[in-house]
Each structure stands twice: as structure tokens, then as C-alpha cells.
Amino acid sequence: LQKSRDEIIDNYGILKCDIDYFSNIDKKDIIAYKKTKYAYEIL
């Protein structure tokens, strides 16, 4: 990517949901994700 710092800091985020809820997240909204022991972290 090449974006302004403000655009990244202001617009991007890490969505955290429990393991059971992950299937409800629209795939189009997921840039990348990481599974932890109890939850998912989604960019």
C-alpha cells in the first residue's frame, strides 16, 4: 500500500471477535486475520 499516515491511523482498525462469531464477518471486510487462543483479530 501507499497511503497517507492519517488515512491509515484514522481508518484502519483491528476488529476483535470470539471464535464462534468469526463466520459472521463478511469476507470482503477482511484484509488479514490472526487467530488467538480465544478470539480472532481482523484487519
ModelCIF file with pLDDT and N, C-alpha, C, O atoms, coordinates in Angstrom:
data_MODEL
#
_entry.id   MODEL 
#
_entity.id                         1 
_entity.type                       polymer 
_entity.pdbx_number_of_molecules   1 
#
_entity_poly.entity_id                      1 
_entity_poly.type                           'polypeptide(L)' 
_entity_poly.nstd_linkage                   no 
_entity_poly.nstd_monomer                   no 
_entity_poly.pdbx_seq_one_letter_code       LQKSRDEIIDNYGILKCDIDYFSNIDKKDIIAYKKTKYAYEIL 
_entity_poly.pdbx_seq_one_letter_code_can   LQKSRDEIIDNYGILKCDIDYFSNIDKKDIIAYKKTKYAYEIL 
_entity_poly.pdbx_strand_id                 A 
#
loop_
_entity_poly_seq.entity_id 
_entity_poly_seq.num 
_entity_poly_seq.mon_id 
_entity_poly_seq.hetero 
1 1  LEU n 
1 2  GLN n 
1 3  LYS n 
1 4  SER n 
1 5  ARG n 
1 6  ASP n 
1 7  GLU n 
1 8  ILE n 
1 9  ILE n 
1 10 ASP n 
1 11 ASN n 
1 12 TYR n 
1 13 GLY n 
1 14 ILE n 
1 15 LEU n 
1 16 LYS n 
1 17 CYS n 
1 18 ASP n 
1 19 ILE n 
1 20 ASP n 
1 21 TYR n 
1 22 PHE n 
1 23 SER n 
1 24 ASN n 
1 25 ILE n 
1 26 ASP n 
1 27 LYS n 
1 28 LYS n 
1 29 ASP n 
1 30 ILE n 
1 31 ILE n 
1 32 ALA n 
1 33 TYR n 
1 34 LYS n 
1 35 LYS n 
1 36 THR n 
1 37 LYS n 
1 38 TYR n 
1 39 ALA n 
1 40 TYR n 
1 41 GLU n 
1 42 ILE n 
1 43 LEU n 
#
_struct_asym.id          A 
_struct_asym.entity_id   1 
#
loop_
_ma_qa_metric.id 
_ma_qa_metric.mode 
_ma_qa_metric.name 
_ma_qa_metric.software_group_id 
_ma_qa_metric.type 
1 global pLDDT . pLDDT 
2 local  pLDDT . pLDDT 
#
_ma_qa_metric_global.metric_id      1 
_ma_qa_metric_global.metric_value   94.63 
_ma_qa_metric_global.model_id       1 
_ma_qa_metric_global.ordinal_id     1 
#
loop_
_ma_qa_metric_local.label_asym_id 
_ma_qa_metric_local.label_comp_id 
_ma_qa_metric_local.label_seq_id 
_ma_qa_metric_local.metric_id 
_ma_qa_metric_local.metric_value 
_ma_qa_metric_local.model_id 
_ma_qa_metric_local.ordinal_id 
A LEU 1  2 94.00 1 1  
A GLN 2  2 95.00 1 2  
A LYS 3  2 96.00 1 3  
A SER 4  2 96.00 1 4  
A ARG 5  2 96.00 1 5  
A ASP 6  2 96.00 1 6  
A GLU 7  2 96.00 1 7  
A ILE 8  2 96.00 1 8  
A ILE 9  2 95.00 1 9  
A ASP 10 2 96.00 1 10 
A ASN 11 2 96.00 1 11 
A TYR 12 2 97.00 1 12 
A GLY 13 2 97.00 1 13 
A ILE 14 2 97.00 1 14 
A LEU 15 2 97.00 1 15 
A LYS 16 2 95.00 1 16 
A CYS 17 2 95.00 1 17 
A ASP 18 2 93.00 1 18 
A ILE 19 2 92.00 1 19 
A ASP 20 2 92.00 1 20 
A TYR 21 2 94.00 1 21 
A PHE 22 2 94.00 1 22 
A SER 23 2 92.00 1 23 
A ASN 24 2 93.00 1 24 
A ILE 25 2 95.00 1 25 
A ASP 26 2 95.00 1 26 
A LYS 27 2 94.00 1 27 
A LYS 28 2 94.00 1 28 
A ASP 29 2 95.00 1 29 
A ILE 30 2 96.00 1 30 
A ILE 31 2 96.00 1 31 
A ALA 32 2 96.00 1 32 
A TYR 33 2 96.00 1 33 
A LYS 34 2 95.00 1 34 
A LYS 35 2 94.00 1 35 
A THR 36 2 89.00 1 36 
A LYS 37 2 87.00 1 37 
A TYR 38 2 88.00 1 38 
A ALA 39 2 93.00 1 39 
A TYR 40 2 96.00 1 40 
A GLU 41 2 96.00 1 41 
A ILE 42 2 97.00 1 42 
A LEU 43 2 97.00 1 43 
#
loop_
_atom_site.group_PDB 
_atom_site.id 
_atom_site.type_symbol 
_atom_site.label_atom_id 
_atom_site.label_alt_id 
_atom_site.label_comp_id 
_atom_site.label_asym_id 
_atom_site.label_entity_id 
_atom_site.label_seq_id 
_atom_site.pdbx_PDB_ins_code 
_atom_site.Cartn_x 
_atom_site.Cartn_y 
_atom_site.Cartn_z 
_atom_site.occupancy 
_atom_site.B_iso_or_equiv 
_atom_site.pdbx_formal_charge 
_atom_site.auth_seq_id 
_atom_site.auth_comp_id 
_atom_site.auth_asym_id 
_atom_site.auth_atom_id 
_atom_site.pdbx_PDB_model_num 
ATOM 1   N N  . LEU A 1 1  ? 0.839   -1.204  0.000  1.00 94.00 ? 1  LEU A N  1 
ATOM 2   C CA . LEU A 1 1  ? 0.000   0.000   0.000  1.00 94.00 ? 1  LEU A CA 1 
ATOM 3   C C  . LEU A 1 1  ? 0.866   1.242   0.000  1.00 94.00 ? 1  LEU A C  1 
ATOM 4   O O  . LEU A 1 1  ? 2.032   1.203   0.390  1.00 94.00 ? 1  LEU A O  1 
ATOM 5   N N  . GLN A 1 2  ? 0.288   2.333   -0.437 1.00 95.00 ? 2  GLN A N  1 
ATOM 6   C CA . GLN A 1 2  ? 0.847   3.668   -0.282 1.00 95.00 ? 2  GLN A CA 1 
ATOM 7   C C  . GLN A 1 2  ? -0.308  4.589   0.060  1.00 95.00 ? 2  GLN A C  1 
ATOM 8   O O  . GLN A 1 2  ? -1.150  4.891   -0.786 1.00 95.00 ? 2  GLN A O  1 
ATOM 9   N N  . LYS A 1 3  ? -0.338  5.028   1.298  1.00 96.00 ? 3  LYS A N  1 
ATOM 10  C CA . LYS A 1 3  ? -1.420  5.874   1.778  1.00 96.00 ? 3  LYS A CA 1 
ATOM 11  C C  . LYS A 1 3  ? -0.862  6.912   2.741  1.00 96.00 ? 3  LYS A C  1 
ATOM 12  O O  . LYS A 1 3  ? 0.262   6.787   3.229  1.00 96.00 ? 3  LYS A O  1 
ATOM 13  N N  . SER A 1 4  ? -1.661  7.931   3.003  1.00 96.00 ? 4  SER A N  1 
ATOM 14  C CA . SER A 1 4  ? -1.239  8.913   3.999  1.00 96.00 ? 4  SER A CA 1 
ATOM 15  C C  . SER A 1 4  ? -1.249  8.262   5.379  1.00 96.00 ? 4  SER A C  1 
ATOM 16  O O  . SER A 1 4  ? -2.041  7.361   5.653  1.00 96.00 ? 4  SER A O  1 
ATOM 17  N N  . ARG A 1 5  ? -0.368  8.728   6.222  1.00 96.00 ? 5  ARG A N  1 
ATOM 18  C CA . ARG A 1 5  ? -0.329  8.206   7.598  1.00 96.00 ? 5  ARG A CA 1 
ATOM 19  C C  . ARG A 1 5  ? -1.680  8.389   8.280  1.00 96.00 ? 5  ARG A C  1 
ATOM 20  O O  . ARG A 1 5  ? -2.160  7.485   8.964  1.00 96.00 ? 5  ARG A O  1 
ATOM 21  N N  . ASP A 1 6  ? -2.295  9.561   8.096  1.00 96.00 ? 6  ASP A N  1 
ATOM 22  C CA . ASP A 1 6  ? -3.569  9.834   8.755  1.00 96.00 ? 6  ASP A CA 1 
ATOM 23  C C  . ASP A 1 6  ? -4.661  8.886   8.274  1.00 96.00 ? 6  ASP A C  1 
ATOM 24  O O  . ASP A 1 6  ? -5.496  8.443   9.063  1.00 96.00 ? 6  ASP A O  1 
ATOM 25  N N  . GLU A 1 7  ? -4.654  8.575   6.978  1.00 96.00 ? 7  GLU A N  1 
ATOM 26  C CA . GLU A 1 7  ? -5.663  7.660   6.447  1.00 96.00 ? 7  GLU A CA 1 
ATOM 27  C C  . GLU A 1 7  ? -5.531  6.284   7.087  1.00 96.00 ? 7  GLU A C  1 
ATOM 28  O O  . GLU A 1 7  ? -6.534  5.648   7.410  1.00 96.00 ? 7  GLU A O  1 
ATOM 29  N N  . ILE A 1 8  ? -4.310  5.829   7.269  1.00 96.00 ? 8  ILE A N  1 
ATOM 30  C CA . ILE A 1 8  ? -4.094  4.520   7.890  1.00 96.00 ? 8  ILE A CA 1 
ATOM 31  C C  . ILE A 1 8  ? -4.516  4.537   9.353  1.00 96.00 ? 8  ILE A C  1 
ATOM 32  O O  . ILE A 1 8  ? -5.282  3.683   9.798  1.00 96.00 ? 8  ILE A O  1 
ATOM 33  N N  . ILE A 1 9  ? -4.008  5.517   10.098 1.00 95.00 ? 9  ILE A N  1 
ATOM 34  C CA . ILE A 1 9  ? -4.274  5.571   11.535 1.00 95.00 ? 9  ILE A CA 1 
ATOM 35  C C  . ILE A 1 9  ? -5.747  5.840   11.825 1.00 95.00 ? 9  ILE A C  1 
ATOM 36  O O  . ILE A 1 9  ? -6.306  5.281   12.768 1.00 95.00 ? 9  ILE A O  1 
ATOM 37  N N  . ASP A 1 10 ? -6.385  6.702   11.012 1.00 96.00 ? 10 ASP A N  1 
ATOM 38  C CA . ASP A 1 10 ? -7.777  7.096   11.264 1.00 96.00 ? 10 ASP A CA 1 
ATOM 39  C C  . ASP A 1 10 ? -8.784  6.058   10.768 1.00 96.00 ? 10 ASP A C  1 
ATOM 40  O O  . ASP A 1 10 ? -9.839  5.884   11.379 1.00 96.00 ? 10 ASP A O  1 
ATOM 41  N N  . ASN A 1 11 ? -8.475  5.369   9.673  1.00 96.00 ? 11 ASN A N  1 
ATOM 42  C CA . ASN A 1 11 ? -9.467  4.499   9.045  1.00 96.00 ? 11 ASN A CA 1 
ATOM 43  C C  . ASN A 1 11 ? -9.283  3.009   9.332  1.00 96.00 ? 11 ASN A C  1 
ATOM 44  O O  . ASN A 1 11 ? -10.260 2.283   9.515  1.00 96.00 ? 11 ASN A O  1 
ATOM 45  N N  . TYR A 1 12 ? -8.040  2.561   9.369  1.00 97.00 ? 12 TYR A N  1 
ATOM 46  C CA . TYR A 1 12 ? -7.812  1.137   9.613  1.00 97.00 ? 12 TYR A CA 1 
ATOM 47  C C  . TYR A 1 12 ? -8.032  0.805   11.085 1.00 97.00 ? 12 TYR A C  1 
ATOM 48  O O  . TYR A 1 12 ? -7.914  1.669   11.954 1.00 97.00 ? 12 TYR A O  1 
ATOM 49  N N  . GLY A 1 13 ? -8.350  -0.444  11.347 1.00 97.00 ? 13 GLY A N  1 
ATOM 50  C CA . GLY A 1 13 ? -8.561  -0.879  12.726 1.00 97.00 ? 13 GLY A CA 1 
ATOM 51  C C  . GLY A 1 13 ? -8.450  -2.378  12.846 1.00 97.00 ? 13 GLY A C  1 
ATOM 52  O O  . GLY A 1 13 ? -8.380  -3.098  11.850 1.00 97.00 ? 13 GLY A O  1 
ATOM 53  N N  . ILE A 1 14 ? -8.435  -2.846  14.107 1.00 97.00 ? 14 ILE A N  1 
ATOM 54  C CA . ILE A 1 14 ? -8.384  -4.282  14.381 1.00 97.00 ? 14 ILE A CA 1 
ATOM 55  C C  . ILE A 1 14 ? -9.695  -4.682  15.040 1.00 97.00 ? 14 ILE A C  1 
ATOM 56  O O  . ILE A 1 14 ? -9.966  -4.313  16.183 1.00 97.00 ? 14 ILE A O  1 
ATOM 57  N N  . LEU A 1 15 ? -10.494 -5.430  14.318 1.00 97.00 ? 15 LEU A N  1 
ATOM 58  C CA . LEU A 1 15 ? -11.765 -5.929  14.836 1.00 97.00 ? 15 LEU A CA 1 
ATOM 59  C C  . LEU A 1 15 ? -11.509 -7.219  15.599 1.00 97.00 ? 15 LEU A C  1 
ATOM 60  O O  . LEU A 1 15 ? -10.865 -8.134  15.086 1.00 97.00 ? 15 LEU A O  1 
ATOM 61  N N  . LYS A 1 16 ? -12.013 -7.291  16.826 1.00 95.00 ? 16 LYS A N  1 
ATOM 62  C CA . LYS A 1 16 ? -11.817 -8.478  17.659 1.00 95.00 ? 16 LYS A CA 1 
ATOM 63  C C  . LYS A 1 16 ? -13.162 -9.142  17.926 1.00 95.00 ? 16 LYS A C  1 
ATOM 64  O O  . LYS A 1 16 ? -14.108 -8.508  18.394 1.00 95.00 ? 16 LYS A O  1 
ATOM 65  N N  . CYS A 1 17 ? -13.220 -10.416 17.620 1.00 95.00 ? 17 CYS A N  1 
ATOM 66  C CA . CYS A 1 17 ? -14.459 -11.161 17.862 1.00 95.00 ? 17 CYS A CA 1 
ATOM 67  C C  . CYS A 1 17 ? -14.118 -12.545 18.397 1.00 95.00 ? 17 CYS A C  1 
ATOM 68  O O  . CYS A 1 17 ? -13.004 -13.036 18.217 1.00 95.00 ? 17 CYS A O  1 
ATOM 69  N N  . ASP A 1 18 ? -15.099 -13.170 19.062 1.00 93.00 ? 18 ASP A N  1 
ATOM 70  C CA . ASP A 1 18 ? -14.825 -14.518 19.578 1.00 93.00 ? 18 ASP A CA 1 
ATOM 71  C C  . ASP A 1 18 ? -14.843 -15.523 18.420 1.00 93.00 ? 18 ASP A C  1 
ATOM 72  O O  . ASP A 1 18 ? -15.279 -15.213 17.311 1.00 93.00 ? 18 ASP A O  1 
ATOM 73  N N  . ILE A 1 19 ? -14.372 -16.702 18.704 1.00 92.00 ? 19 ILE A N  1 
ATOM 74  C CA . ILE A 1 19 ? -14.178 -17.715 17.670 1.00 92.00 ? 19 ILE A CA 1 
ATOM 75  C C  . ILE A 1 19 ? -15.485 -18.089 16.994 1.00 92.00 ? 19 ILE A C  1 
ATOM 76  O O  . ILE A 1 19 ? -15.511 -18.305 15.783 1.00 92.00 ? 19 ILE A O  1 
ATOM 77  N N  . ASP A 1 20 ? -16.561 -18.170 17.744 1.00 92.00 ? 20 ASP A N  1 
ATOM 78  C CA . ASP A 1 20 ? -17.857 -18.570 17.188 1.00 92.00 ? 20 ASP A CA 1 
ATOM 79  C C  . ASP A 1 20 ? -18.430 -17.499 16.255 1.00 92.00 ? 20 ASP A C  1 
ATOM 80  O O  . ASP A 1 20 ? -19.171 -17.818 15.325 1.00 92.00 ? 20 ASP A O  1 
ATOM 81  N N  . TYR A 1 21 ? -18.089 -16.231 16.502 1.00 94.00 ? 21 TYR A N  1 
ATOM 82  C CA . TYR A 1 21 ? -18.659 -15.135 15.723 1.00 94.00 ? 21 TYR A CA 1 
ATOM 83  C C  . TYR A 1 21 ? -17.928 -14.917 14.399 1.00 94.00 ? 21 TYR A C  1 
ATOM 84  O O  . TYR A 1 21 ? -18.452 -14.241 13.513 1.00 94.00 ? 21 TYR A O  1 
ATOM 85  N N  . PHE A 1 22 ? -16.754 -15.466 14.256 1.00 94.00 ? 22 PHE A N  1 
ATOM 86  C CA . PHE A 1 22 ? -15.909 -15.188 13.090 1.00 94.00 ? 22 PHE A CA 1 
ATOM 87  C C  . PHE A 1 22 ? -16.623 -15.482 11.762 1.00 94.00 ? 22 PHE A C  1 
ATOM 88  O O  . PHE A 1 22 ? -16.420 -14.767 10.780 1.00 94.00 ? 22 PHE A O  1 
ATOM 89  N N  . SER A 1 23 ? -17.445 -16.516 11.731 1.00 92.00 ? 23 SER A N  1 
ATOM 90  C CA . SER A 1 23 ? -18.135 -16.901 10.496 1.00 92.00 ? 23 SER A CA 1 
ATOM 91  C C  . SER A 1 23 ? -19.147 -15.843 10.043 1.00 92.00 ? 23 SER A C  1 
ATOM 92  O O  . SER A 1 23 ? -19.586 -15.854 8.893  1.00 92.00 ? 23 SER A O  1 
ATOM 93  N N  . ASN A 1 24 ? -19.518 -14.919 10.959 1.00 93.00 ? 24 ASN A N  1 
ATOM 94  C CA . ASN A 1 24 ? -20.463 -13.851 10.608 1.00 93.00 ? 24 ASN A CA 1 
ATOM 95  C C  . ASN A 1 24 ? -19.798 -12.658 9.927  1.00 93.00 ? 24 ASN A C  1 
ATOM 96  O O  . ASN A 1 24 ? -20.482 -11.778 9.405  1.00 93.00 ? 24 ASN A O  1 
ATOM 97  N N  . ILE A 1 25 ? -18.475 -12.628 9.932  1.00 95.00 ? 25 ILE A N  1 
ATOM 98  C CA . ILE A 1 25 ? -17.765 -11.499 9.332  1.00 95.00 ? 25 ILE A CA 1 
ATOM 99  C C  . ILE A 1 25 ? -17.723 -11.659 7.815  1.00 95.00 ? 25 ILE A C  1 
ATOM 100 O O  . ILE A 1 25 ? -17.295 -12.690 7.297  1.00 95.00 ? 25 ILE A O  1 
ATOM 101 N N  . ASP A 1 26 ? -18.173 -10.628 7.119  1.00 95.00 ? 26 ASP A N  1 
ATOM 102 C CA . ASP A 1 26 ? -18.162 -10.642 5.655  1.00 95.00 ? 26 ASP A CA 1 
ATOM 103 C C  . ASP A 1 26 ? -16.715 -10.744 5.159  1.00 95.00 ? 26 ASP A C  1 
ATOM 104 O O  . ASP A 1 26 ? -15.857 -9.965  5.573  1.00 95.00 ? 26 ASP A O  1 
ATOM 105 N N  . LYS A 1 27 ? -16.457 -11.688 4.291  1.00 94.00 ? 27 LYS A N  1 
ATOM 106 C CA . LYS A 1 27 ? -15.100 -11.891 3.781  1.00 94.00 ? 27 LYS A CA 1 
ATOM 107 C C  . LYS A 1 27 ? -14.551 -10.641 3.093  1.00 94.00 ? 27 LYS A C  1 
ATOM 108 O O  . LYS A 1 27 ? -13.342 -10.412 3.086  1.00 94.00 ? 27 LYS A O  1 
ATOM 109 N N  . LYS A 1 28 ? -15.436 -9.839  2.519  1.00 94.00 ? 28 LYS A N  1 
ATOM 110 C CA . LYS A 1 28 ? -14.997 -8.618  1.840  1.00 94.00 ? 28 LYS A CA 1 
ATOM 111 C C  . LYS A 1 28 ? -14.409 -7.590  2.811  1.00 94.00 ? 28 LYS A C  1 
ATOM 112 O O  . LYS A 1 28 ? -13.663 -6.697  2.411  1.00 94.00 ? 28 LYS A O  1 
ATOM 113 N N  . ASP A 1 29 ? -14.757 -7.733  4.091  1.00 95.00 ? 29 ASP A N  1 
ATOM 114 C CA . ASP A 1 29 ? -14.273 -6.787  5.097  1.00 95.00 ? 29 ASP A CA 1 
ATOM 115 C C  . ASP A 1 29 ? -12.926 -7.204  5.691  1.00 95.00 ? 29 ASP A C  1 
ATOM 116 O O  . ASP A 1 29 ? -12.325 -6.445  6.451  1.00 95.00 ? 29 ASP A O  1 
ATOM 117 N N  . ILE A 1 30 ? -12.459 -8.378  5.357  1.00 96.00 ? 30 ILE A N  1 
ATOM 118 C CA . ILE A 1 30 ? -11.243 -8.922  5.973  1.00 96.00 ? 30 ILE A CA 1 
ATOM 119 C C  . ILE A 1 30 ? -10.041 -8.715  5.055  1.00 96.00 ? 30 ILE A C  1 
ATOM 120 O O  . ILE A 1 30 ? -9.982  -9.275  3.960  1.00 96.00 ? 30 ILE A O  1 
ATOM 121 N N  . ILE A 1 31 ? -9.080  -7.901  5.513  1.00 96.00 ? 31 ILE A N  1 
ATOM 122 C CA . ILE A 1 31 ? -7.824  -7.751  4.781  1.00 96.00 ? 31 ILE A CA 1 
ATOM 123 C C  . ILE A 1 31 ? -6.881  -8.886  5.165  1.00 96.00 ? 31 ILE A C  1 
ATOM 124 O O  . ILE A 1 31 ? -6.257  -9.512  4.308  1.00 96.00 ? 31 ILE A O  1 
ATOM 125 N N  . ALA A 1 32 ? -6.789  -9.137  6.463  1.00 96.00 ? 32 ALA A N  1 
ATOM 126 C CA . ALA A 1 32 ? -5.988  -10.240 7.004  1.00 96.00 ? 32 ALA A CA 1 
ATOM 127 C C  . ALA A 1 32 ? -6.500  -10.511 8.411  1.00 96.00 ? 32 ALA A C  1 
ATOM 128 O O  . ALA A 1 32 ? -7.144  -9.658  9.022  1.00 96.00 ? 32 ALA A O  1 
ATOM 129 N N  . TYR A 1 33 ? -6.210  -11.702 8.920  1.00 96.00 ? 33 TYR A N  1 
ATOM 130 C CA . TYR A 1 33 ? -6.672  -12.016 10.275 1.00 96.00 ? 33 TYR A CA 1 
ATOM 131 C C  . TYR A 1 33 ? -5.685  -12.945 10.971 1.00 96.00 ? 33 TYR A C  1 
ATOM 132 O O  . TYR A 1 33 ? -4.869  -13.622 10.346 1.00 96.00 ? 33 TYR A O  1 
ATOM 133 N N  . LYS A 1 34 ? -5.803  -12.941 12.305 1.00 95.00 ? 34 LYS A N  1 
ATOM 134 C CA . LYS A 1 34 ? -4.964  -13.803 13.129 1.00 95.00 ? 34 LYS A CA 1 
ATOM 135 C C  . LYS A 1 34 ? -5.837  -14.441 14.201 1.00 95.00 ? 34 LYS A C  1 
ATOM 136 O O  . LYS A 1 34 ? -6.625  -13.759 14.856 1.00 95.00 ? 34 LYS A O  1 
ATOM 137 N N  . LYS A 1 35 ? -5.698  -15.732 14.375 1.00 94.00 ? 35 LYS A N  1 
ATOM 138 C CA . LYS A 1 35 ? -6.461  -16.447 15.396 1.00 94.00 ? 35 LYS A CA 1 
ATOM 139 C C  . LYS A 1 35 ? -5.624  -16.578 16.658 1.00 94.00 ? 35 LYS A C  1 
ATOM 140 O O  . LYS A 1 35 ? -4.490  -17.056 16.615 1.00 94.00 ? 35 LYS A O  1 
ATOM 141 N N  . THR A 1 36 ? -6.190  -16.148 17.786 1.00 89.00 ? 36 THR A N  1 
ATOM 142 C CA . THR A 1 36 ? -5.544  -16.339 19.074 1.00 89.00 ? 36 THR A CA 1 
ATOM 143 C C  . THR A 1 36 ? -6.266  -17.473 19.800 1.00 89.00 ? 36 THR A C  1 
ATOM 144 O O  . THR A 1 36 ? -7.129  -18.131 19.219 1.00 89.00 ? 36 THR A O  1 
ATOM 145 N N  . LYS A 1 37 ? -5.926  -17.699 21.037 1.00 87.00 ? 37 LYS A N  1 
ATOM 146 C CA . LYS A 1 37 ? -6.498  -18.824 21.768 1.00 87.00 ? 37 LYS A CA 1 
ATOM 147 C C  . LYS A 1 37 ? -8.009  -18.696 21.923 1.00 87.00 ? 37 LYS A C  1 
ATOM 148 O O  . LYS A 1 37 ? -8.735  -19.685 21.825 1.00 87.00 ? 37 LYS A O  1 
ATOM 149 N N  . TYR A 1 38 ? -8.482  -17.469 22.165 1.00 88.00 ? 38 TYR A N  1 
ATOM 150 C CA . TYR A 1 38 ? -9.901  -17.283 22.464 1.00 88.00 ? 38 TYR A CA 1 
ATOM 151 C C  . TYR A 1 38 ? -10.644 -16.387 21.466 1.00 88.00 ? 38 TYR A C  1 
ATOM 152 O O  . TYR A 1 38 ? -11.860 -16.227 21.573 1.00 88.00 ? 38 TYR A O  1 
ATOM 153 N N  . ALA A 1 39 ? -9.932  -15.804 20.500 1.00 93.00 ? 39 ALA A N  1 
ATOM 154 C CA . ALA A 1 39 ? -10.593 -14.829 19.636 1.00 93.00 ? 39 ALA A CA 1 
ATOM 155 C C  . ALA A 1 39 ? -9.878  -14.720 18.287 1.00 93.00 ? 39 ALA A C  1 
ATOM 156 O O  . ALA A 1 39 ? -8.843  -15.345 18.054 1.00 93.00 ? 39 ALA A O  1 
ATOM 157 N N  . TYR A 1 40 ? -10.467 -13.902 17.408 1.00 96.00 ? 40 TYR A N  1 
ATOM 158 C CA . TYR A 1 40 ? -9.858  -13.546 16.135 1.00 96.00 ? 40 TYR A CA 1 
ATOM 159 C C  . TYR A 1 40 ? -9.536  -12.053 16.152 1.00 96.00 ? 40 TYR A C  1 
ATOM 160 O O  . TYR A 1 40 ? -10.299 -11.250 16.690 1.00 96.00 ? 40 TYR A O  1 
ATOM 161 N N  . GLU A 1 41 ? -8.419  -11.698 15.568 1.00 96.00 ? 41 GLU A N  1 
ATOM 162 C CA . GLU A 1 41 ? -8.067  -10.299 15.337 1.00 96.00 ? 41 GLU A CA 1 
ATOM 163 C C  . GLU A 1 41 ? -8.070  -10.085 13.824 1.00 96.00 ? 41 GLU A C  1 
ATOM 164 O O  . GLU A 1 41 ? -7.352  -10.759 13.085 1.00 96.00 ? 41 GLU A O  1 
ATOM 165 N N  . ILE A 1 42 ? -8.890  -9.136  13.382 1.00 97.00 ? 42 ILE A N  1 
ATOM 166 C CA . ILE A 1 42 ? -9.130  -8.958  11.949 1.00 97.00 ? 42 ILE A CA 1 
ATOM 167 C C  . ILE A 1 42 ? -8.773  -7.535  11.537 1.00 97.00 ? 42 ILE A C  1 
ATOM 168 O O  . ILE A 1 42 ? -9.246  -6.566  12.130 1.00 97.00 ? 42 ILE A O  1 
ATOM 169 N N  . LEU A 1 43 ? -7.935  -7.426  10.515 1.00 97.00 ? 43 LEU A N  1 
ATOM 170 C CA . LEU A 1 43 ? -7.566  -6.123  9.983  1.00 97.00 ? 43 LEU A CA 1 
ATOM 171 C C  . LEU A 1 43 ? -8.649  -5.637  9.031  1.00 97.00 ? 43 LEU A C  1 
ATOM 172 O O  . LEU A 1 43 ? -8.533  -4.548  8.468  1.00 97.00 ? 43 LEU A O  1 
#
